[in-house]
Amino acid sequence: NRPELNRNAIITGLVHNMRHIPEPHTAYQGFLKLRPGHAMIVKGGRIQTIWRHYDPLAGQDAPTDATQLRALLEDAVACRMVADVPVA
């Protein structure tokens, strides 16, 4: 039992050079994309649950101004700039 192709979504994808099919559509009829960062459990062909798998601000307050956001970004970049070998 194969799903039918979603011709309209595929045509839209071709317009975008097959880089993507805009959400929530997929290449198959009756199937929709999950939102970014979400996960789903399916049992017996039925959706059991959908949840946000990752919450980047869990346990933290969202930045309230540009200065605070800049400081968070600078810290995030700085901790990724550490190298265990010399960088040319």
PDB file of N, CA and C in Angstrom:
ATOM      1  N   ASN A   1       0.831  -1.178   0.000  1.00  0.00           N
ATOM      2  CA  ASN A   1       0.000   0.000   0.000  1.00  0.00           C
ATOM      3  C   ASN A   1       0.880   1.248   0.000  1.00  0.00           C
ATOM      4  N   ARG A   2       1.185   1.738  -1.168  1.00  0.00           N
ATOM      5  CA  ARG A   2       2.089   2.887  -1.289  1.00  0.00           C
ATOM      6  C   ARG A   2       1.315   4.196  -1.274  1.00  0.00           C
ATOM      7  N   PRO A   3       1.845   5.211  -0.602  1.00  0.00           N
ATOM      8  CA  PRO A   3       1.160   6.510  -0.589  1.00  0.00           C
ATOM      9  C   PRO A   3       1.217   7.165  -1.968  1.00  0.00           C
ATOM     10  N   GLU A   4       0.202   7.968  -2.267  1.00  0.00           N
ATOM     11  CA  GLU A   4       0.164   8.684  -3.540  1.00  0.00           C
ATOM     12  C   GLU A   4       1.064   9.916  -3.472  1.00  0.00           C
ATOM     13  N   LEU A   5       1.608  10.260  -4.627  1.00  0.00           N
ATOM     14  CA  LEU A   5       2.437  11.462  -4.703  1.00  0.00           C
ATOM     15  C   LEU A   5       1.560  12.707  -4.626  1.00  0.00           C
ATOM     16  N   ASN A   6       2.078  13.734  -4.003  1.00  0.00           N
ATOM     17  CA  ASN A   6       1.421  15.029  -3.919  1.00  0.00           C
ATOM     18  C   ASN A   6       1.977  15.874  -5.066  1.00  0.00           C
ATOM     19  N   ARG A   7       1.303  15.805  -6.197  1.00  0.00           N
ATOM     20  CA  ARG A   7       1.820  16.454  -7.416  1.00  0.00           C
ATOM     21  C   ARG A   7       2.003  17.960  -7.247  1.00  0.00           C
ATOM     22  N   ASN A   8       1.067  18.624  -6.578  1.00  0.00           N
ATOM     23  CA  ASN A   8       1.198  20.078  -6.390  1.00  0.00           C
ATOM     24  C   ASN A   8       2.442  20.422  -5.577  1.00  0.00           C
ATOM     25  N   ALA A   9       2.707  19.655  -4.525  1.00  0.00           N
ATOM     26  CA  ALA A   9       3.892  19.912  -3.703  1.00  0.00           C
ATOM     27  C   ALA A   9       5.163  19.645  -4.498  1.00  0.00           C
ATOM     28  N   ILE A  10       5.152  18.601  -5.316  1.00  0.00           N
ATOM     29  CA  ILE A  10       6.331  18.284  -6.128  1.00  0.00           C
ATOM     30  C   ILE A  10       6.576  19.382  -7.152  1.00  0.00           C
ATOM     31  N   ILE A  11       5.520  19.882  -7.770  1.00  0.00           N
ATOM     32  CA  ILE A  11       5.673  20.982  -8.736  1.00  0.00           C
ATOM     33  C   ILE A  11       6.236  22.214  -8.032  1.00  0.00           C
ATOM     34  N   THR A  12       5.725  22.513  -6.842  1.00  0.00           N
ATOM     35  CA  THR A  12       6.255  23.640  -6.068  1.00  0.00           C
ATOM     36  C   THR A  12       7.733  23.416  -5.772  1.00  0.00           C
ATOM     37  N   GLY A  13       8.102  22.190  -5.417  1.00  0.00           N
ATOM     38  CA  GLY A  13       9.507  21.861  -5.175  1.00  0.00           C
ATOM     39  C   GLY A  13      10.354  22.077  -6.410  1.00  0.00           C
ATOM     40  N   LEU A  14       9.819  21.724  -7.579  1.00  0.00           N
ATOM     41  CA  LEU A  14      10.561  21.932  -8.826  1.00  0.00           C
ATOM     42  C   LEU A  14      10.793  23.413  -9.080  1.00  0.00           C
ATOM     43  N   VAL A  15       9.808  24.237  -8.743  1.00  0.00           N
ATOM     44  CA  VAL A  15       9.962  25.688  -8.894  1.00  0.00           C
ATOM     45  C   VAL A  15      11.123  26.177  -8.032  1.00  0.00           C
ATOM     46  N   HIS A  16      11.326  25.536  -6.877  1.00  0.00           N
ATOM     47  CA  HIS A  16      12.417  25.889  -5.962  1.00  0.00           C
ATOM     48  C   HIS A  16      13.657  25.037  -6.225  1.00  0.00           C
ATOM     49  N   ASN A  17      13.801  24.490  -7.434  1.00  0.00           N
ATOM     50  CA  ASN A  17      14.945  23.650  -7.817  1.00  0.00           C
ATOM     51  C   ASN A  17      15.101  22.446  -6.900  1.00  0.00           C
ATOM     52  N   MET A  18      13.976  21.907  -6.411  1.00  0.00           N
ATOM     53  CA  MET A  18      13.930  20.736  -5.524  1.00  0.00           C
ATOM     54  C   MET A  18      14.758  20.932  -4.257  1.00  0.00           C
ATOM     55  N   ARG A  19      14.968  22.175  -3.875  1.00  0.00           N
ATOM     56  CA  ARG A  19      15.680  22.420  -2.619  1.00  0.00           C
ATOM     57  C   ARG A  19      14.776  22.142  -1.431  1.00  0.00           C
ATOM     58  N   HIS A  20      13.486  22.422  -1.599  1.00  0.00           N
ATOM     59  CA  HIS A  20      12.549  22.131  -0.509  1.00  0.00           C
ATOM     60  C   HIS A  20      11.119  22.197  -1.008  1.00  0.00           C
ATOM     61  N   ILE A  21      10.267  21.530  -0.282  1.00  0.00           N
ATOM     62  CA  ILE A  21       8.828  21.655  -0.470  1.00  0.00           C
ATOM     63  C   ILE A  21       8.344  22.420   0.760  1.00  0.00           C
ATOM     64  N   PRO A  22       7.713  23.566   0.550  1.00  0.00           N
ATOM     65  CA  PRO A  22       7.314  24.389   1.698  1.00  0.00           C
ATOM     66  C   PRO A  22       6.427  23.627   2.681  1.00  0.00           C
ATOM     67  N   GLU A  23       6.689  23.867   3.981  1.00  0.00           N
ATOM     68  CA  GLU A  23       5.885  23.186   4.994  1.00  0.00           C
ATOM     69  C   GLU A  23       4.471  23.740   4.983  1.00  0.00           C
ATOM     70  N   PRO A  24       3.520  22.994   5.386  1.00  0.00           N
ATOM     71  CA  PRO A  24       3.616  21.685   6.031  1.00  0.00           C
ATOM     72  C   PRO A  24       3.564  20.524   5.047  1.00  0.00           C
ATOM     73  N   HIS A  25       3.669  20.800   3.758  1.00  0.00           N
ATOM     74  CA  HIS A  25       3.470  19.771   2.730  1.00  0.00           C
ATOM     75  C   HIS A  25       4.682  18.857   2.574  1.00  0.00           C
ATOM     76  N   THR A  26       4.447  17.690   1.996  1.00  0.00           N
ATOM     77  CA  THR A  26       5.506  16.743   1.643  1.00  0.00           C
ATOM     78  C   THR A  26       5.230  16.247   0.236  1.00  0.00           C
ATOM     79  N   ALA A  27       6.094  15.387  -0.264  1.00  0.00           N
ATOM     80  CA  ALA A  27       5.921  14.828  -1.599  1.00  0.00           C
ATOM     81  C   ALA A  27       4.802  13.785  -1.647  1.00  0.00           C
ATOM     82  N   TYR A  28       4.226  13.440  -0.496  1.00  0.00           N
ATOM     83  CA  TYR A  28       3.189  12.406  -0.442  1.00  0.00           C
ATOM     84  C   TYR A  28       1.868  12.967   0.062  1.00  0.00           C
ATOM     85  N   GLN A  29       0.770  12.568  -0.593  1.00  0.00           N
ATOM     86  CA  GLN A  29      -0.573  12.961  -0.162  1.00  0.00           C
ATOM     87  C   GLN A  29      -0.841  12.422   1.238  1.00  0.00           C
ATOM     88  N   GLY A  30      -1.449  13.229   2.075  1.00  0.00           N
ATOM     89  CA  GLY A  30      -1.851  12.771   3.395  1.00  0.00           C
ATOM     90  C   GLY A  30      -0.749  12.775   4.439  1.00  0.00           C
ATOM     91  N   PHE A  31       0.445  13.229   4.067  1.00  0.00           N
ATOM     92  CA  PHE A  31       1.559  13.315   5.011  1.00  0.00           C
ATOM     93  C   PHE A  31       1.959  14.776   5.146  1.00  0.00           C
ATOM     94  N   LEU A  32       2.120  15.235   6.373  1.00  0.00           N
ATOM     95  CA  LEU A  32       2.567  16.598   6.627  1.00  0.00           C
ATOM     96  C   LEU A  32       3.886  16.562   7.385  1.00  0.00           C
ATOM     97  N   LYS A  33       4.672  17.624   7.239  1.00  0.00           N
ATOM     98  CA  LYS A  33       5.954  17.713   7.947  1.00  0.00           C
ATOM     99  C   LYS A  33       5.715  18.024   9.417  1.00  0.00           C
ATOM    100  N   LEU A  34       6.627  17.516  10.234  1.00  0.00           N
ATOM    101  CA  LEU A  34       6.655  17.941  11.628  1.00  0.00           C
ATOM    102  C   LEU A  34       7.280  19.325  11.688  1.00  0.00           C
ATOM    103  N   ARG A  35       6.903  20.097  12.671  1.00  0.00           N
ATOM    104  CA  ARG A  35       7.528  21.406  12.859  1.00  0.00           C
ATOM    105  C   ARG A  35       8.971  21.214  13.298  1.00  0.00           C
ATOM    106  N   PRO A  36       9.857  22.151  12.992  1.00  0.00           N
ATOM    107  CA  PRO A  36      11.250  22.027  13.422  1.00  0.00           C
ATOM    108  C   PRO A  36      11.352  21.828  14.930  1.00  0.00           C
ATOM    109  N   GLY A  37      12.227  20.908  15.338  1.00  0.00           N
ATOM    110  CA  GLY A  37      12.455  20.646  16.751  1.00  0.00           C
ATOM    111  C   GLY A  37      11.424  19.745  17.402  1.00  0.00           C
ATOM    112  N   HIS A  38      10.513  19.177  16.621  1.00  0.00           N
ATOM    113  CA  HIS A  38       9.467  18.322  17.169  1.00  0.00           C
ATOM    114  C   HIS A  38       9.737  16.853  16.855  1.00  0.00           C
ATOM    115  N   ALA A  39       9.161  15.981  17.661  1.00  0.00           N
ATOM    116  CA  ALA A  39       9.265  14.531  17.465  1.00  0.00           C
ATOM    117  C   ALA A  39       7.866  13.938  17.578  1.00  0.00           C
ATOM    118  N   MET A  40       7.733  12.697  17.068  1.00  0.00           N
ATOM    119  CA  MET A  40       6.420  12.070  17.054  1.00  0.00           C
ATOM    120  C   MET A  40       6.571  10.573  17.266  1.00  0.00           C
ATOM    121  N   ILE A  41       5.603   9.985  17.956  1.00  0.00           N
ATOM    122  CA  ILE A  41       5.538   8.532  18.100  1.00  0.00           C
ATOM    123  C   ILE A  41       4.283   8.058  17.377  1.00  0.00           C
ATOM    124  N   VAL A  42       4.463   7.048  16.493  1.00  0.00           N
ATOM    125  CA  VAL A  42       3.355   6.443  15.759  1.00  0.00           C
ATOM    126  C   VAL A  42       3.318   4.968  16.112  1.00  0.00           C
ATOM    127  N   LYS A  43       2.149   4.472  16.499  1.00  0.00           N
ATOM    128  CA  LYS A  43       1.967   3.047  16.786  1.00  0.00           C
ATOM    129  C   LYS A  43       0.723   2.572  16.060  1.00  0.00           C
ATOM    130  N   GLY A  44       0.849   1.443  15.373  1.00  0.00           N
ATOM    131  CA  GLY A  44      -0.303   0.894  14.667  1.00  0.00           C
ATOM    132  C   GLY A  44      -0.868   1.834  13.625  1.00  0.00           C
ATOM    133  N   GLY A  45      -0.005   2.656  13.020  1.00  0.00           N
ATOM    134  CA  GLY A  45      -0.448   3.588  11.997  1.00  0.00           C
ATOM    135  C   GLY A  45      -1.155   4.819  12.537  1.00  0.00           C
ATOM    136  N   ARG A  46      -1.163   4.990  13.842  1.00  0.00           N
ATOM    137  CA  ARG A  46      -1.820   6.152  14.455  1.00  0.00           C
ATOM    138  C   ARG A  46      -0.814   6.971  15.261  1.00  0.00           C
ATOM    139  N   ILE A  47      -0.990   8.282  15.193  1.00  0.00           N
ATOM    140  CA  ILE A  47      -0.127   9.179  15.963  1.00  0.00           C
ATOM    141  C   ILE A  47      -0.479   9.043  17.438  1.00  0.00           C
ATOM    142  N   GLN A  48       0.515   8.714  18.239  1.00  0.00           N
ATOM    143  CA  GLN A  48       0.316   8.604  19.686  1.00  0.00           C
ATOM    144  C   GLN A  48       0.550   9.944  20.369  1.00  0.00           C
ATOM    145  N   THR A  49       1.632  10.598  19.971  1.00  0.00           N
ATOM    146  CA  THR A  49       1.953  11.888  20.592  1.00  0.00           C
ATOM    147  C   THR A  49       2.927  12.666  19.715  1.00  0.00           C
ATOM    148  N   ILE A  50       2.845  13.975  19.790  1.00  0.00           N
ATOM    149  CA  ILE A  50       3.791  14.892  19.135  1.00  0.00           C
ATOM    150  C   ILE A  50       4.251  15.861  20.216  1.00  0.00           C
ATOM    151  N   TRP A  51       5.550  16.091  20.273  1.00  0.00           N
ATOM    152  CA  TRP A  51       6.065  17.021  21.276  1.00  0.00           C
ATOM    153  C   TRP A  51       7.273  17.757  20.729  1.00  0.00           C
ATOM    154  N   ARG A  52       7.563  18.870  21.389  1.00  0.00           N
ATOM    155  CA  ARG A  52       8.759  19.633  21.037  1.00  0.00           C
ATOM    156  C   ARG A  52       9.940  18.927  21.673  1.00  0.00           C
ATOM    157  N   HIS A  53      10.817  18.401  20.832  1.00  0.00           N
ATOM    158  CA  HIS A  53      11.940  17.591  21.288  1.00  0.00           C
ATOM    159  C   HIS A  53      13.020  18.440  21.949  1.00  0.00           C
ATOM    160  N   TYR A  54      13.159  19.665  21.489  1.00  0.00           N
ATOM    161  CA  TYR A  54      14.260  20.508  21.945  1.00  0.00           C
ATOM    162  C   TYR A  54      13.731  21.902  22.221  1.00  0.00           C
ATOM    163  N   ASP A  55      13.994  22.403  23.386  1.00  0.00           N
ATOM    164  CA  ASP A  55      13.627  23.767  23.738  1.00  0.00           C
ATOM    165  C   ASP A  55      14.902  24.506  24.117  1.00  0.00           C
ATOM    166  N   PRO A  56      15.410  25.358  23.224  1.00  0.00           N
ATOM    167  CA  PRO A  56      16.711  25.996  23.461  1.00  0.00           C
ATOM    168  C   PRO A  56      16.755  26.879  24.699  1.00  0.00           C
ATOM    169  N   LEU A  57      15.616  27.321  25.182  1.00  0.00           N
ATOM    170  CA  LEU A  57      15.616  28.210  26.342  1.00  0.00           C
ATOM    171  C   LEU A  57      15.053  27.534  27.588  1.00  0.00           C
ATOM    172  N   ALA A  58      15.013  26.215  27.603  1.00  0.00           N
ATOM    173  CA  ALA A  58      14.468  25.508  28.766  1.00  0.00           C
ATOM    174  C   ALA A  58      15.268  25.882  30.008  1.00  0.00           C
ATOM    175  N   GLY A  59      14.584  26.316  31.021  1.00  0.00           N
ATOM    176  CA  GLY A  59      15.237  26.679  32.274  1.00  0.00           C
ATOM    177  C   GLY A  59      15.931  28.025  32.242  1.00  0.00           C
ATOM    178  N   GLN A  60      15.778  28.774  31.162  1.00  0.00           N
ATOM    179  CA  GLN A  60      16.419  30.083  31.053  1.00  0.00           C
ATOM    180  C   GLN A  60      15.365  31.122  30.694  1.00  0.00           C
ATOM    181  N   ASP A  61      15.639  32.346  31.057  1.00  0.00           N
ATOM    182  CA  ASP A  61      14.782  33.435  30.626  1.00  0.00           C
ATOM    183  C   ASP A  61      15.213  33.867  29.236  1.00  0.00           C
ATOM    184  N   ALA A  62      14.265  34.221  28.394  1.00  0.00           N
ATOM    185  CA  ALA A  62      14.591  34.716  27.060  1.00  0.00           C
ATOM    186  C   ALA A  62      15.268  36.079  27.192  1.00  0.00           C
ATOM    187  N   PRO A  63      16.235  36.377  26.304  1.00  0.00           N
ATOM    188  CA  PRO A  63      16.876  37.695  26.365  1.00  0.00           C
ATOM    189  C   PRO A  63      15.831  38.795  26.182  1.00  0.00           C
ATOM    190  N   THR A  64      15.988  39.852  26.951  1.00  0.00           N
ATOM    191  CA  THR A  64      14.984  40.914  26.921  1.00  0.00           C
ATOM    192  C   THR A  64      15.403  42.121  26.100  1.00  0.00           C
ATOM    193  N   ASP A  65      16.681  42.236  25.788  1.00  0.00           N
ATOM    194  CA  ASP A  65      17.097  43.370  24.975  1.00  0.00           C
ATOM    195  C   ASP A  65      18.283  42.981  24.097  1.00  0.00           C
ATOM    196  N   ALA A  66      18.643  43.884  23.193  1.00  0.00           N
ATOM    197  CA  ALA A  66      19.705  43.615  22.223  1.00  0.00           C
ATOM    198  C   ALA A  66      21.053  43.398  22.902  1.00  0.00           C
ATOM    199  N   THR A  67      21.338  44.127  23.972  1.00  0.00           N
ATOM    200  CA  THR A  67      22.618  43.980  24.670  1.00  0.00           C
ATOM    201  C   THR A  67      22.748  42.583  25.266  1.00  0.00           C
ATOM    202  N   GLN A  68      21.692  42.106  25.897  1.00  0.00           N
ATOM    203  CA  GLN A  68      21.709  40.770  26.489  1.00  0.00           C
ATOM    204  C   GLN A  68      21.831  39.696  25.405  1.00  0.00           C
ATOM    205  N   LEU A  69      21.117  39.879  24.293  1.00  0.00           N
ATOM    206  CA  LEU A  69      21.196  38.924  23.188  1.00  0.00           C
ATOM    207  C   LEU A  69      22.602  38.892  22.606  1.00  0.00           C
ATOM    208  N   ARG A  70      23.210  40.063  22.426  1.00  0.00           N
ATOM    209  CA  ARG A  70      24.576  40.117  21.895  1.00  0.00           C
ATOM    210  C   ARG A  70      25.547  39.383  22.822  1.00  0.00           C
ATOM    211  N   ALA A  71      25.424  39.594  24.123  1.00  0.00           N
ATOM    212  CA  ALA A  71      26.307  38.925  25.086  1.00  0.00           C
ATOM    213  C   ALA A  71      26.141  37.412  25.007  1.00  0.00           C
ATOM    214  N   LEU A  72      24.910  36.930  24.887  1.00  0.00           N
ATOM    215  CA  LEU A  72      24.667  35.491  24.757  1.00  0.00           C
ATOM    216  C   LEU A  72      25.297  34.935  23.483  1.00  0.00           C
ATOM    217  N   LEU A  73      25.156  35.667  22.379  1.00  0.00           N
ATOM    218  CA  LEU A  73      25.745  35.224  21.110  1.00  0.00           C
ATOM    219  C   LEU A  73      27.267  35.215  21.178  1.00  0.00           C
ATOM    220  N   GLU A  74      27.854  36.254  21.777  1.00  0.00           N
ATOM    221  CA  GLU A  74      29.313  36.305  21.905  1.00  0.00           C
ATOM    222  C   GLU A  74      29.825  35.146  22.754  1.00  0.00           C
ATOM    223  N   ASP A  75      29.137  34.824  23.836  1.00  0.00           N
ATOM    224  CA  ASP A  75      29.530  33.680  24.674  1.00  0.00           C
ATOM    225  C   ASP A  75      29.417  32.372  23.897  1.00  0.00           C
ATOM    226  N   ALA A  76      28.339  32.223  23.127  1.00  0.00           N
ATOM    227  CA  ALA A  76      28.135  30.997  22.353  1.00  0.00           C
ATOM    228  C   ALA A  76      29.234  30.816  21.312  1.00  0.00           C
ATOM    229  N   VAL A  77      29.620  31.898  20.648  1.00  0.00           N
ATOM    230  CA  VAL A  77      30.684  31.818  19.642  1.00  0.00           C
ATOM    231  C   VAL A  77      32.024  31.565  20.315  1.00  0.00           C
ATOM    232  N   ALA A  78      32.314  32.252  21.410  1.00  0.00           N
ATOM    233  CA  ALA A  78      33.605  32.116  22.094  1.00  0.00           C
ATOM    234  C   ALA A  78      33.848  30.683  22.545  1.00  0.00           C
ATOM    235  N   CYS A  79      32.833  30.014  23.079  1.00  0.00           N
ATOM    236  CA  CYS A  79      33.054  28.643  23.566  1.00  0.00           C
ATOM    237  C   CYS A  79      33.249  27.664  22.414  1.00  0.00           C
ATOM    238  N   ARG A  80      32.888  28.040  21.206  1.00  0.00           N
ATOM    239  CA  ARG A  80      33.094  27.171  20.044  1.00  0.00           C
ATOM    240  C   ARG A  80      34.377  27.498  19.287  1.00  0.00           C
ATOM    241  N   MET A  81      35.075  28.546  19.705  1.00  0.00           N
ATOM    242  CA  MET A  81      36.307  28.955  19.037  1.00  0.00           C
ATOM    243  C   MET A  81      37.528  28.281  19.656  1.00  0.00           C
ATOM    244  N   VAL A  82      37.339  27.503  20.702  1.00  0.00           N
ATOM    245  CA  VAL A  82      38.440  26.806  21.358  1.00  0.00           C
ATOM    246  C   VAL A  82      38.849  25.637  20.474  1.00  0.00           C
ATOM    247  N   ALA A  83      40.156  25.532  20.201  1.00  0.00           N
ATOM    248  CA  ALA A  83      40.653  24.440  19.361  1.00  0.00           C
ATOM    249  C   ALA A  83      41.731  23.678  20.118  1.00  0.00           C
ATOM    250  N   ASP A  84      41.781  22.372  19.910  1.00  0.00           N
ATOM    251  CA  ASP A  84      42.815  21.574  20.573  1.00  0.00           C
ATOM    252  C   ASP A  84      44.070  21.456  19.712  1.00  0.00           C
ATOM    253  N   VAL A  85      44.023  22.058  18.531  1.00  0.00           N
ATOM    254  CA  VAL A  85      45.185  22.091  17.635  1.00  0.00           C
ATOM    255  C   VAL A  85      45.333  23.516  17.120  1.00  0.00           C
ATOM    256  N   PRO A  86      46.541  23.896  16.695  1.00  0.00           N
ATOM    257  CA  PRO A  86      46.716  25.248  16.156  1.00  0.00           C
ATOM    258  C   PRO A  86      45.843  25.475  14.918  1.00  0.00           C
ATOM    259  N   VAL A  87      45.293  26.656  14.822  1.00  0.00           N
ATOM    260  CA  VAL A  87      44.469  27.016  13.673  1.00  0.00           C
ATOM    261  C   VAL A  87      45.282  27.953  12.797  1.00  0.00           C
ATOM    262  N   ALA A  88      45.354  27.643  11.510  1.00  0.00           N
ATOM    263  CA  ALA A  88      46.168  28.441  10.587  1.00  0.00           C
ATOM    264  C   ALA A  88      45.564  29.784  10.320  1.00  0.00           C
TER     265      ALA A  88
END
